[in-house]
Amino acid sequence: MQGWLARALARQETFHARLKFFNILGTIFRHGTSTENKMQMHKMALEAVSVLIQYDYENGHPPFDCN
């Protein structure tokens, strides 16, 4: 169980590191006119980056070696 948990945490940290590559977490999001609109646009941006990371995982850059 501890090995499974360690792998899950490592996978999450790898995902967060790749999010940092796009600098989506390190800057202030300044789009939208109202708070609700800003949250919707921020959600859309985060989902778009997540899709790019997933595509990268599936096409030659997995989070971990498969060996």
Protein backbone atom coordinates (compact mmCIF):
# COMPACT_ATOMS: atom_id res chain seq x y z
CA MET A 1 0.00 0.00 0.00
CA GLN A 2 2.83 2.42 0.82
CA GLY A 3 4.44 1.77 -2.57
CA TRP A 4 1.17 2.52 -4.36
CA LEU A 5 0.67 5.70 -2.36
CA ALA A 6 4.24 6.86 -3.03
CA ARG A 7 3.76 6.29 -6.76
CA ALA A 8 0.47 8.23 -6.76
CA LEU A 9 2.09 11.16 -4.95
CA ALA A 10 5.06 11.11 -7.33
CA ARG A 11 2.69 11.14 -10.32
CA GLN A 12 0.89 14.16 -8.87
CA GLU A 13 4.17 16.00 -8.27
CA THR A 14 5.25 15.24 -11.85
CA PHE A 15 1.97 16.66 -13.16
CA HIS A 16 2.39 19.81 -11.06
CA ALA A 17 5.95 20.23 -12.30
CA ARG A 18 4.68 20.11 -15.88
CA LEU A 19 1.99 22.65 -15.02
CA LYS A 20 4.75 24.95 -13.79
CA PHE A 21 6.40 24.67 -17.21
CA PHE A 22 3.42 26.53 -18.67
CA ASN A 23 3.58 29.04 -15.78
CA ILE A 24 -0.16 28.69 -15.25
CA LEU A 25 0.19 28.58 -11.48
CA GLY A 26 2.79 31.31 -11.03
CA THR A 27 1.12 34.34 -12.53
CA ILE A 28 -2.02 36.32 -11.79
CA PHE A 29 -4.86 35.46 -14.16
CA ARG A 30 -6.17 38.80 -15.48
CA HIS A 31 -8.92 37.83 -17.92
CA GLY A 32 -12.66 38.20 -17.60
CA THR A 33 -14.80 41.01 -16.26
CA SER A 34 -16.49 39.52 -13.20
CA THR A 35 -15.23 37.08 -10.59
CA GLU A 36 -17.44 34.30 -11.97
CA ASN A 37 -16.26 34.96 -15.52
CA LYS A 38 -12.62 34.95 -14.38
CA MET A 39 -13.09 31.58 -12.69
CA GLN A 40 -14.67 30.10 -15.85
CA MET A 41 -11.83 31.39 -18.03
CA HIS A 42 -9.18 30.20 -15.57
CA LYS A 43 -10.83 26.77 -15.51
CA MET A 44 -10.78 26.67 -19.32
CA ALA A 45 -7.07 27.60 -19.38
CA LEU A 46 -6.16 24.95 -16.79
CA GLU A 47 -8.14 22.28 -18.68
CA ALA A 48 -6.39 23.22 -21.93
CA VAL A 49 -2.96 22.87 -20.35
CA SER A 50 -4.01 19.57 -18.75
CA VAL A 51 -4.99 18.24 -22.18
CA LEU A 52 -1.60 19.26 -23.57
CA ILE A 53 0.15 17.44 -20.73
CA GLN A 54 -2.01 14.34 -21.28
CA TYR A 55 -1.17 14.43 -25.00
CA ASP A 56 2.52 14.66 -24.11
CA TYR A 57 2.17 11.64 -21.78
CA GLU A 58 0.56 9.58 -24.53
CA ASN A 59 3.05 10.56 -27.23
CA GLY A 60 6.50 9.79 -26.00
CA HIS A 61 6.98 11.56 -22.67
CA PRO A 62 5.31 9.47 -19.95
CA PRO A 63 5.55 10.63 -16.34
CA PHE A 64 7.73 7.63 -15.48
CA ASP A 65 9.80 5.06 -17.35
CA CYS A 66 7.76 1.99 -18.25
CA ASN A 67 10.68 -0.39 -17.61
